[in-house]
N, C-alpha and C. Protein backbone atom coordinates (compact mmCIF):
# COMPACT_ATOMS: atom_id res chain seq x y z
N MET A 1 80.84 -91.01 98.89
CA MET A 1 81.91 -90.34 98.18
C MET A 1 81.90 -90.74 96.69
N LEU A 2 81.60 -91.99 96.41
CA LEU A 2 81.58 -92.46 95.03
C LEU A 2 80.63 -91.62 94.18
N ALA A 3 79.48 -91.26 94.74
CA ALA A 3 78.49 -90.48 93.99
C ALA A 3 79.06 -89.14 93.54
N ILE A 4 79.91 -88.55 94.37
CA ILE A 4 80.52 -87.27 94.02
C ILE A 4 81.45 -87.44 92.82
N TYR A 5 82.27 -88.48 92.86
CA TYR A 5 83.17 -88.73 91.73
C TYR A 5 82.38 -88.97 90.45
N LEU A 6 81.31 -89.75 90.55
CA LEU A 6 80.54 -90.12 89.36
C LEU A 6 79.90 -88.90 88.69
N GLN A 7 79.61 -87.86 89.47
CA GLN A 7 79.05 -86.64 88.89
C GLN A 7 80.05 -85.93 87.99
N LEU A 8 81.31 -86.22 88.15
CA LEU A 8 82.36 -85.59 87.36
C LEU A 8 82.65 -86.32 86.05
N ILE A 9 81.99 -87.45 85.83
CA ILE A 9 82.26 -88.29 84.67
C ILE A 9 81.12 -88.15 83.66
N ASP A 10 81.48 -88.03 82.37
CA ASP A 10 80.49 -87.75 81.33
C ASP A 10 79.73 -88.98 80.83
N THR A 11 80.42 -90.09 80.60
CA THR A 11 79.76 -91.23 79.95
C THR A 11 79.43 -92.35 80.94
N ASP A 12 78.39 -93.10 80.60
CA ASP A 12 78.01 -94.25 81.43
C ASP A 12 79.13 -95.29 81.47
N GLN A 13 79.78 -95.48 80.34
CA GLN A 13 80.87 -96.46 80.26
C GLN A 13 82.01 -96.07 81.23
N ASP A 14 82.38 -94.80 81.24
CA ASP A 14 83.44 -94.35 82.15
C ASP A 14 82.97 -94.41 83.60
N ARG A 15 81.70 -94.13 83.85
CA ARG A 15 81.17 -94.24 85.22
C ARG A 15 81.27 -95.68 85.71
N ASP A 16 80.89 -96.62 84.84
CA ASP A 16 80.97 -98.04 85.20
C ASP A 16 82.42 -98.45 85.47
N LYS A 17 83.32 -97.99 84.62
CA LYS A 17 84.74 -98.32 84.78
C LYS A 17 85.27 -97.77 86.11
N PHE A 18 84.96 -96.49 86.37
CA PHE A 18 85.45 -95.88 87.60
C PHE A 18 84.84 -96.56 88.83
N THR A 19 83.56 -96.88 88.76
CA THR A 19 82.90 -97.57 89.88
C THR A 19 83.59 -98.90 90.16
N ASP A 20 83.93 -99.63 89.11
CA ASP A 20 84.62 -100.91 89.27
C ASP A 20 85.99 -100.72 89.91
N VAL A 21 86.74 -99.73 89.44
CA VAL A 21 88.05 -99.43 90.02
C VAL A 21 87.89 -99.06 91.49
N TYR A 22 86.94 -98.22 91.79
CA TYR A 22 86.71 -97.75 93.16
C TYR A 22 86.38 -98.92 94.08
N GLU A 23 85.46 -99.74 93.66
CA GLU A 23 85.04 -100.86 94.50
C GLU A 23 86.11 -101.92 94.67
N ARG A 24 86.89 -102.17 93.62
CA ARG A 24 87.93 -103.21 93.68
C ARG A 24 89.14 -102.79 94.52
N TYR A 25 89.57 -101.55 94.38
CA TYR A 25 90.88 -101.17 94.89
C TYR A 25 90.87 -100.17 96.05
N ARG A 26 89.73 -99.63 96.40
CA ARG A 26 89.68 -98.63 97.46
C ARG A 26 90.29 -99.17 98.76
N GLY A 27 89.93 -100.38 99.15
CA GLY A 27 90.46 -100.96 100.39
C GLY A 27 91.96 -101.13 100.37
N LYS A 28 92.49 -101.64 99.27
CA LYS A 28 93.94 -101.83 99.16
C LYS A 28 94.67 -100.49 99.14
N MET A 29 94.05 -99.52 98.50
CA MET A 29 94.65 -98.19 98.45
C MET A 29 94.70 -97.57 99.85
N PHE A 30 93.62 -97.76 100.60
CA PHE A 30 93.59 -97.24 101.97
C PHE A 30 94.66 -97.92 102.82
N LEU A 31 94.77 -99.24 102.73
CA LEU A 31 95.79 -99.96 103.51
C LEU A 31 97.19 -99.48 103.17
N ALA A 32 97.44 -99.28 101.88
CA ALA A 32 98.76 -98.80 101.45
C ALA A 32 99.05 -97.42 102.03
N ALA A 33 98.08 -96.53 101.98
CA ALA A 33 98.26 -95.18 102.51
C ALA A 33 98.41 -95.22 104.03
N ASN A 34 97.63 -96.05 104.68
CA ASN A 34 97.66 -96.11 106.14
C ASN A 34 98.96 -96.71 106.67
N ARG A 35 99.59 -97.59 105.90
CA ARG A 35 100.89 -98.14 106.30
C ARG A 35 101.95 -97.05 106.35
N ILE A 36 101.76 -96.03 105.56
CA ILE A 36 102.71 -94.92 105.53
C ILE A 36 102.34 -93.86 106.57
N LEU A 37 101.05 -93.54 106.64
CA LEU A 37 100.61 -92.39 107.45
C LEU A 37 100.20 -92.74 108.88
N HIS A 38 99.75 -93.95 109.10
CA HIS A 38 99.27 -94.37 110.43
C HIS A 38 98.22 -93.41 110.98
N SER A 39 97.36 -92.94 110.10
CA SER A 39 96.29 -92.03 110.49
C SER A 39 95.11 -92.29 109.57
N HIS A 40 93.97 -92.63 110.16
CA HIS A 40 92.79 -92.93 109.36
C HIS A 40 92.38 -91.73 108.50
N ALA A 41 92.31 -90.56 109.12
CA ALA A 41 91.87 -89.37 108.40
C ALA A 41 92.83 -88.99 107.28
N ASP A 42 94.13 -88.99 107.57
CA ASP A 42 95.12 -88.65 106.55
C ASP A 42 95.12 -89.68 105.42
N SER A 43 94.92 -90.94 105.76
CA SER A 43 94.89 -91.99 104.75
C SER A 43 93.66 -91.82 103.85
N GLU A 44 92.53 -91.48 104.44
CA GLU A 44 91.33 -91.21 103.64
C GLU A 44 91.57 -90.05 102.68
N ASP A 45 92.23 -89.01 103.16
CA ASP A 45 92.54 -87.86 102.30
C ASP A 45 93.46 -88.28 101.15
N ALA A 46 94.46 -89.09 101.45
CA ALA A 46 95.38 -89.55 100.41
C ALA A 46 94.65 -90.38 99.35
N VAL A 47 93.75 -91.24 99.79
CA VAL A 47 92.98 -92.07 98.85
C VAL A 47 92.06 -91.18 98.01
N HIS A 48 91.46 -90.19 98.64
CA HIS A 48 90.60 -89.26 97.89
C HIS A 48 91.42 -88.56 96.80
N GLU A 49 92.59 -88.07 97.15
CA GLU A 49 93.45 -87.41 96.16
C GLU A 49 93.86 -88.38 95.06
N ALA A 50 94.11 -89.63 95.43
CA ALA A 50 94.46 -90.64 94.43
C ALA A 50 93.31 -90.88 93.46
N PHE A 51 92.09 -90.93 93.98
CA PHE A 51 90.93 -91.14 93.10
C PHE A 51 90.69 -89.94 92.18
N ILE A 52 90.96 -88.75 92.64
CA ILE A 52 90.86 -87.58 91.76
C ILE A 52 91.86 -87.72 90.62
N TYR A 53 93.07 -88.15 90.94
CA TYR A 53 94.09 -88.37 89.92
C TYR A 53 93.64 -89.46 88.94
N ILE A 54 93.14 -90.57 89.47
CA ILE A 54 92.69 -91.67 88.63
C ILE A 54 91.55 -91.21 87.73
N LEU A 55 90.65 -90.43 88.29
CA LEU A 55 89.52 -89.90 87.53
C LEU A 55 90.01 -89.10 86.33
N ASN A 56 91.03 -88.30 86.55
CA ASN A 56 91.58 -87.48 85.47
C ASN A 56 92.41 -88.28 84.47
N ASN A 57 92.78 -89.50 84.83
CA ASN A 57 93.59 -90.35 83.97
C ASN A 57 92.90 -91.67 83.65
N LEU A 58 91.59 -91.69 83.72
CA LEU A 58 90.81 -92.91 83.51
C LEU A 58 91.09 -93.61 82.16
N PRO A 59 91.34 -92.87 81.09
CA PRO A 59 91.64 -93.55 79.82
C PRO A 59 92.90 -94.42 79.85
N LYS A 60 93.79 -94.16 80.81
CA LYS A 60 95.01 -94.97 80.92
C LYS A 60 94.72 -96.39 81.41
N ILE A 61 93.56 -96.59 82.02
CA ILE A 61 93.20 -97.91 82.54
C ILE A 61 92.48 -98.67 81.44
N GLU A 62 93.13 -99.72 80.97
CA GLU A 62 92.54 -100.53 79.90
C GLU A 62 91.65 -101.63 80.48
N THR A 63 92.20 -102.42 81.39
CA THR A 63 91.47 -103.53 82.01
C THR A 63 91.44 -103.29 83.51
N VAL A 64 90.24 -103.20 84.06
CA VAL A 64 90.10 -102.88 85.48
C VAL A 64 90.65 -104.00 86.36
N SER A 65 90.28 -105.22 86.05
CA SER A 65 90.69 -106.35 86.92
C SER A 65 92.00 -106.96 86.42
N SER A 66 93.08 -106.20 86.60
CA SER A 66 94.38 -106.70 86.19
C SER A 66 95.42 -106.29 87.24
N PRO A 67 96.49 -107.07 87.35
CA PRO A 67 97.56 -106.71 88.30
C PRO A 67 98.16 -105.33 88.00
N LYS A 68 98.21 -104.99 86.73
CA LYS A 68 98.77 -103.70 86.33
C LYS A 68 97.91 -102.54 86.86
N THR A 69 96.59 -102.68 86.76
CA THR A 69 95.69 -101.64 87.26
C THR A 69 95.75 -101.58 88.78
N GLU A 70 95.82 -102.74 89.41
CA GLU A 70 95.92 -102.77 90.87
C GLU A 70 97.18 -102.04 91.32
N ALA A 71 98.29 -102.34 90.70
CA ALA A 71 99.56 -101.69 91.06
C ALA A 71 99.47 -100.18 90.80
N TYR A 72 98.87 -99.80 89.69
CA TYR A 72 98.70 -98.39 89.34
C TYR A 72 97.95 -97.65 90.44
N CYS A 73 96.84 -98.21 90.87
CA CYS A 73 96.02 -97.58 91.91
C CYS A 73 96.74 -97.51 93.25
N VAL A 74 97.38 -98.59 93.62
CA VAL A 74 98.08 -98.64 94.91
C VAL A 74 99.26 -97.67 94.91
N ILE A 75 99.99 -97.61 93.83
CA ILE A 75 101.16 -96.72 93.75
C ILE A 75 100.72 -95.25 93.81
N ILE A 76 99.62 -94.92 93.17
CA ILE A 76 99.12 -93.54 93.22
C ILE A 76 98.73 -93.19 94.66
N ALA A 77 98.06 -94.10 95.34
CA ALA A 77 97.69 -93.86 96.74
C ALA A 77 98.93 -93.71 97.61
N GLN A 78 99.93 -94.54 97.38
CA GLN A 78 101.18 -94.44 98.14
C GLN A 78 101.87 -93.10 97.89
N SER A 79 101.86 -92.69 96.66
CA SER A 79 102.49 -91.42 96.30
C SER A 79 101.82 -90.26 97.03
N ARG A 80 100.50 -90.27 97.05
CA ARG A 80 99.76 -89.20 97.75
C ARG A 80 100.03 -89.29 99.26
N ALA A 81 100.12 -90.50 99.79
CA ALA A 81 100.40 -90.69 101.21
C ALA A 81 101.80 -90.18 101.54
N LEU A 82 102.76 -90.47 100.68
CA LEU A 82 104.13 -89.99 100.91
C LEU A 82 104.19 -88.48 100.89
N ASP A 83 103.44 -87.86 99.98
CA ASP A 83 103.39 -86.40 99.94
C ASP A 83 102.88 -85.86 101.28
N LYS A 84 101.82 -86.46 101.79
CA LYS A 84 101.26 -86.04 103.08
C LYS A 84 102.26 -86.29 104.22
N TYR A 85 102.91 -87.43 104.17
CA TYR A 85 103.90 -87.77 105.21
C TYR A 85 105.04 -86.75 105.22
N GLU A 86 105.55 -86.43 104.04
CA GLU A 86 106.66 -85.47 103.94
C GLU A 86 106.22 -84.10 104.44
N LYS A 87 105.02 -83.70 104.10
CA LYS A 87 104.51 -82.40 104.57
C LYS A 87 104.42 -82.41 106.09
N ARG A 88 103.90 -83.49 106.65
CA ARG A 88 103.80 -83.61 108.10
C ARG A 88 105.19 -83.57 108.74
N GLN A 89 106.16 -84.27 108.14
CA GLN A 89 107.52 -84.29 108.68
C GLN A 89 108.13 -82.90 108.66
N ARG A 90 107.91 -82.16 107.57
CA ARG A 90 108.45 -80.80 107.48
C ARG A 90 107.86 -79.92 108.58
N GLU A 91 106.55 -80.05 108.78
CA GLU A 91 105.88 -79.26 109.81
C GLU A 91 106.38 -79.64 111.20
N GLU A 92 106.54 -80.94 111.45
CA GLU A 92 107.01 -81.39 112.75
C GLU A 92 108.46 -80.98 112.98
N THR A 93 109.27 -81.02 111.95
CA THR A 93 110.68 -80.67 112.07
C THR A 93 110.83 -79.22 112.48
N LEU A 94 109.96 -78.36 111.99
CA LEU A 94 110.03 -76.96 112.36
C LEU A 94 109.74 -76.75 113.85
N GLN A 95 108.98 -77.67 114.44
CA GLN A 95 108.58 -77.53 115.83
C GLN A 95 109.54 -78.22 116.81
N ILE A 96 110.41 -79.05 116.31
CA ILE A 96 111.30 -79.82 117.19
C ILE A 96 112.54 -79.02 117.52
N ASP A 97 112.88 -79.00 118.77
CA ASP A 97 114.10 -78.33 119.20
C ASP A 97 115.30 -79.11 118.66
N GLU A 98 116.30 -78.43 118.15
CA GLU A 98 117.46 -79.09 117.54
C GLU A 98 118.19 -80.02 118.50
N LYS A 99 118.13 -79.73 119.77
CA LYS A 99 118.81 -80.58 120.75
C LYS A 99 118.17 -81.96 120.86
N LEU A 100 116.91 -82.06 120.48
CA LEU A 100 116.20 -83.32 120.62
C LEU A 100 116.32 -84.23 119.40
N VAL A 101 116.95 -83.74 118.35
CA VAL A 101 117.07 -84.53 117.13
C VAL A 101 117.99 -85.72 117.39
N ALA A 102 117.54 -86.91 117.01
CA ALA A 102 118.32 -88.14 117.25
C ALA A 102 119.53 -88.20 116.33
N SER A 103 120.51 -88.94 116.76
CA SER A 103 121.70 -89.17 115.95
C SER A 103 121.33 -89.95 114.70
N PRO A 104 121.88 -89.59 113.55
CA PRO A 104 121.53 -90.29 112.32
C PRO A 104 122.25 -91.63 112.14
N ALA A 105 122.77 -92.19 113.20
CA ALA A 105 123.47 -93.47 113.09
C ALA A 105 122.53 -94.57 112.62
N ALA A 106 121.29 -94.55 113.08
CA ALA A 106 120.30 -95.53 112.63
C ALA A 106 119.25 -94.76 111.84
N PRO A 107 118.78 -95.31 110.74
CA PRO A 107 117.85 -94.56 109.91
C PRO A 107 116.50 -94.38 110.62
N ASP A 108 116.14 -93.11 110.85
CA ASP A 108 114.81 -92.87 111.39
C ASP A 108 113.84 -92.76 110.22
N ASP A 109 112.58 -92.57 110.52
CA ASP A 109 111.58 -92.52 109.46
C ASP A 109 111.84 -91.43 108.44
N SER A 110 112.23 -90.24 108.90
CA SER A 110 112.43 -89.14 107.96
C SER A 110 113.65 -89.39 107.07
N LEU A 111 114.70 -89.97 107.63
CA LEU A 111 115.89 -90.28 106.84
C LEU A 111 115.57 -91.36 105.81
N LEU A 112 114.84 -92.37 106.24
CA LEU A 112 114.45 -93.44 105.33
C LEU A 112 113.55 -92.91 104.22
N THR A 113 112.60 -92.07 104.58
CA THR A 113 111.70 -91.49 103.58
C THR A 113 112.47 -90.66 102.58
N GLU A 114 113.40 -89.87 103.07
CA GLU A 114 114.22 -89.06 102.16
C GLU A 114 115.04 -89.94 101.22
N ALA A 115 115.61 -91.00 101.76
CA ALA A 115 116.40 -91.92 100.93
C ALA A 115 115.52 -92.58 99.88
N LEU A 116 114.33 -93.01 100.29
CA LEU A 116 113.40 -93.63 99.33
C LEU A 116 113.03 -92.65 98.22
N ASN A 117 112.80 -91.41 98.58
CA ASN A 117 112.40 -90.41 97.59
C ASN A 117 113.51 -90.08 96.60
N ARG A 118 114.73 -90.37 96.97
CA ARG A 118 115.86 -90.12 96.06
C ARG A 118 116.09 -91.29 95.09
N LEU A 119 115.39 -92.38 95.32
CA LEU A 119 115.54 -93.53 94.42
C LEU A 119 114.74 -93.30 93.14
N PRO A 120 115.15 -93.94 92.05
CA PRO A 120 114.34 -93.89 90.84
C PRO A 120 112.97 -94.54 91.10
N LEU A 121 111.97 -94.10 90.36
CA LEU A 121 110.59 -94.56 90.56
C LEU A 121 110.47 -96.07 90.53
N HIS A 122 111.15 -96.74 89.59
CA HIS A 122 111.00 -98.20 89.50
C HIS A 122 111.54 -98.90 90.74
N PHE A 123 112.58 -98.36 91.36
CA PHE A 123 113.10 -98.94 92.61
C PHE A 123 112.13 -98.68 93.76
N ARG A 124 111.62 -97.44 93.85
CA ARG A 124 110.65 -97.13 94.91
C ARG A 124 109.42 -98.04 94.78
N THR A 125 108.98 -98.23 93.57
CA THR A 125 107.78 -99.04 93.33
C THR A 125 107.96 -100.46 93.84
N VAL A 126 109.05 -101.10 93.48
CA VAL A 126 109.25 -102.49 93.89
C VAL A 126 109.43 -102.60 95.40
N ILE A 127 110.08 -101.63 96.02
CA ILE A 127 110.24 -101.63 97.48
C ILE A 127 108.89 -101.46 98.16
N TYR A 128 108.08 -100.53 97.69
CA TYR A 128 106.76 -100.31 98.28
C TYR A 128 105.88 -101.54 98.15
N LEU A 129 105.87 -102.11 96.95
CA LEU A 129 105.02 -103.29 96.75
C LEU A 129 105.44 -104.44 97.64
N ARG A 130 106.75 -104.62 97.83
CA ARG A 130 107.24 -105.75 98.62
C ARG A 130 107.14 -105.50 100.12
N TYR A 131 107.63 -104.36 100.57
CA TYR A 131 107.78 -104.16 102.01
C TYR A 131 106.67 -103.35 102.66
N TYR A 132 106.02 -102.46 101.93
CA TYR A 132 104.94 -101.69 102.52
C TYR A 132 103.60 -102.37 102.32
N ILE A 133 103.38 -102.90 101.12
CA ILE A 133 102.11 -103.58 100.84
C ILE A 133 102.20 -105.05 101.25
N GLY A 134 103.37 -105.64 101.08
CA GLY A 134 103.56 -107.02 101.51
C GLY A 134 103.36 -108.07 100.43
N TYR A 135 103.40 -107.65 99.17
CA TYR A 135 103.27 -108.61 98.09
C TYR A 135 104.51 -109.49 98.00
N LYS A 136 104.33 -110.69 97.55
CA LYS A 136 105.43 -111.61 97.27
C LYS A 136 105.96 -111.29 95.87
N ILE A 137 107.19 -111.71 95.60
CA ILE A 137 107.80 -111.47 94.29
C ILE A 137 106.93 -112.06 93.18
N ARG A 138 106.35 -113.23 93.41
CA ARG A 138 105.51 -113.86 92.38
C ARG A 138 104.27 -113.02 92.07
N GLU A 139 103.85 -112.17 93.01
CA GLU A 139 102.71 -111.28 92.79
C GLU A 139 103.16 -109.97 92.15
N ILE A 140 104.35 -109.52 92.50
CA ILE A 140 104.88 -108.26 91.98
C ILE A 140 105.24 -108.38 90.50
N ALA A 141 105.82 -109.49 90.12
CA ALA A 141 106.30 -109.67 88.74
C ALA A 141 105.24 -109.35 87.69
N PRO A 142 104.02 -109.93 87.76
CA PRO A 142 103.04 -109.58 86.73
C PRO A 142 102.57 -108.13 86.80
N MET A 143 102.59 -107.53 87.99
CA MET A 143 102.20 -106.12 88.11
C MET A 143 103.15 -105.23 87.33
N LEU A 144 104.41 -105.63 87.30
CA LEU A 144 105.44 -104.84 86.63
C LEU A 144 105.79 -105.37 85.23
N ASN A 145 104.99 -106.35 84.78
CA ASN A 145 105.21 -106.95 83.46
C ASN A 145 106.63 -107.50 83.30
N MET A 146 107.06 -108.31 84.27
CA MET A 146 108.39 -108.91 84.18
C MET A 146 108.35 -110.31 84.79
N THR A 147 109.42 -111.04 84.57
CA THR A 147 109.52 -112.38 85.15
C THR A 147 109.82 -112.26 86.64
N GLU A 148 109.62 -113.35 87.37
CA GLU A 148 109.94 -113.34 88.79
C GLU A 148 111.43 -113.09 89.01
N THR A 149 112.26 -113.68 88.16
CA THR A 149 113.71 -113.49 88.27
C THR A 149 114.07 -112.02 88.10
N ALA A 150 113.48 -111.38 87.09
CA ALA A 150 113.76 -109.96 86.85
C ALA A 150 113.25 -109.11 88.01
N ALA A 151 112.10 -109.44 88.55
CA ALA A 151 111.55 -108.70 89.68
C ALA A 151 112.44 -108.85 90.91
N GLN A 152 112.94 -110.05 91.14
CA GLN A 152 113.84 -110.29 92.28
C GLN A 152 115.14 -109.50 92.10
N ARG A 153 115.67 -109.49 90.88
CA ARG A 153 116.89 -108.71 90.61
C ARG A 153 116.65 -107.23 90.85
N MET A 154 115.49 -106.74 90.40
CA MET A 154 115.18 -105.33 90.60
C MET A 154 115.07 -105.01 92.09
N LEU A 155 114.44 -105.90 92.85
CA LEU A 155 114.32 -105.68 94.30
C LEU A 155 115.70 -105.64 94.95
N THR A 156 116.58 -106.55 94.57
CA THR A 156 117.94 -106.57 95.11
C THR A 156 118.67 -105.27 94.79
N ARG A 157 118.55 -104.82 93.55
CA ARG A 157 119.20 -103.56 93.15
C ARG A 157 118.60 -102.38 93.90
N ALA A 158 117.29 -102.42 94.09
CA ALA A 158 116.61 -101.34 94.81
C ALA A 158 117.09 -101.27 96.25
N LYS A 159 117.21 -102.42 96.90
CA LYS A 159 117.68 -102.44 98.29
C LYS A 159 119.11 -101.93 98.37
N ASN A 160 119.96 -102.32 97.42
CA ASN A 160 121.34 -101.84 97.41
C ASN A 160 121.40 -100.33 97.20
N ALA A 161 120.57 -99.83 96.29
CA ALA A 161 120.53 -98.39 96.04
C ALA A 161 120.02 -97.64 97.26
N LEU A 162 119.03 -98.21 97.95
CA LEU A 162 118.50 -97.59 99.16
C LEU A 162 119.58 -97.52 100.24
N GLU A 163 120.33 -98.59 100.38
CA GLU A 163 121.41 -98.61 101.36
C GLU A 163 122.45 -97.53 101.06
N GLU A 164 122.78 -97.36 99.77
CA GLU A 164 123.74 -96.33 99.37
C GLU A 164 123.19 -94.93 99.68
N LYS A 165 121.91 -94.71 99.38
CA LYS A 165 121.30 -93.40 99.64
C LYS A 165 121.27 -93.10 101.14
N LEU A 166 120.96 -94.11 101.94
CA LEU A 166 120.96 -93.92 103.40
C LEU A 166 122.35 -93.53 103.89
N GLU A 167 123.35 -94.20 103.36
CA GLU A 167 124.74 -93.89 103.76
C GLU A 167 125.11 -92.46 103.36
N GLU A 168 124.71 -92.06 102.15
CA GLU A 168 124.97 -90.67 101.70
C GLU A 168 124.30 -89.67 102.64
N LEU A 169 123.06 -89.95 102.98
CA LEU A 169 122.31 -89.05 103.86
C LEU A 169 122.90 -88.97 105.25
N ARG A 170 123.38 -90.10 105.75
CA ARG A 170 124.02 -90.09 107.07
C ARG A 170 125.22 -89.15 107.09
N HIS A 171 125.97 -89.14 105.98
CA HIS A 171 127.15 -88.28 105.90
C HIS A 171 126.76 -86.81 105.73
N GLU A 172 125.63 -86.57 105.08
CA GLU A 172 125.16 -85.20 104.89
C GLU A 172 124.67 -84.60 106.20
N HIS A 173 124.05 -85.44 107.03
CA HIS A 173 123.43 -84.92 108.26
C HIS A 173 124.42 -84.97 109.34
């Protein structure tokens, strides 16, 4: 697959940069996508879409081996995975008989996904990095260019905002 991407790049310098990004982060991107999709094929598709996006935005990557670049790649893969997950949920919802829909008293996956999608990007990012990818706060802080204290505060605010969104959604449904 790498060879196909490289054919789309004009300069040797950009090819080397993209190759480095691909080799360093492909595995982490796949794990991030698979945690959301629980499907090898769908996760591969999400990672492929993420690499197409990265390819088109390669100048935005200054240093390949940096926490910022790692977070950038993982977040793009997660975003593509969430898009696939939401599409799958919409398709499945159309096929489910209304009588079988569970009570929204406890957040199911679709309710949680909807609540997450209603959060601001910076809150979604910190939640994904902590709970979906499994990074510690000390690892997240440099990815987001902030202190550990600031990252912890952001995570706390994100969790509170998520709880509020879940409550709003429960009342809507």
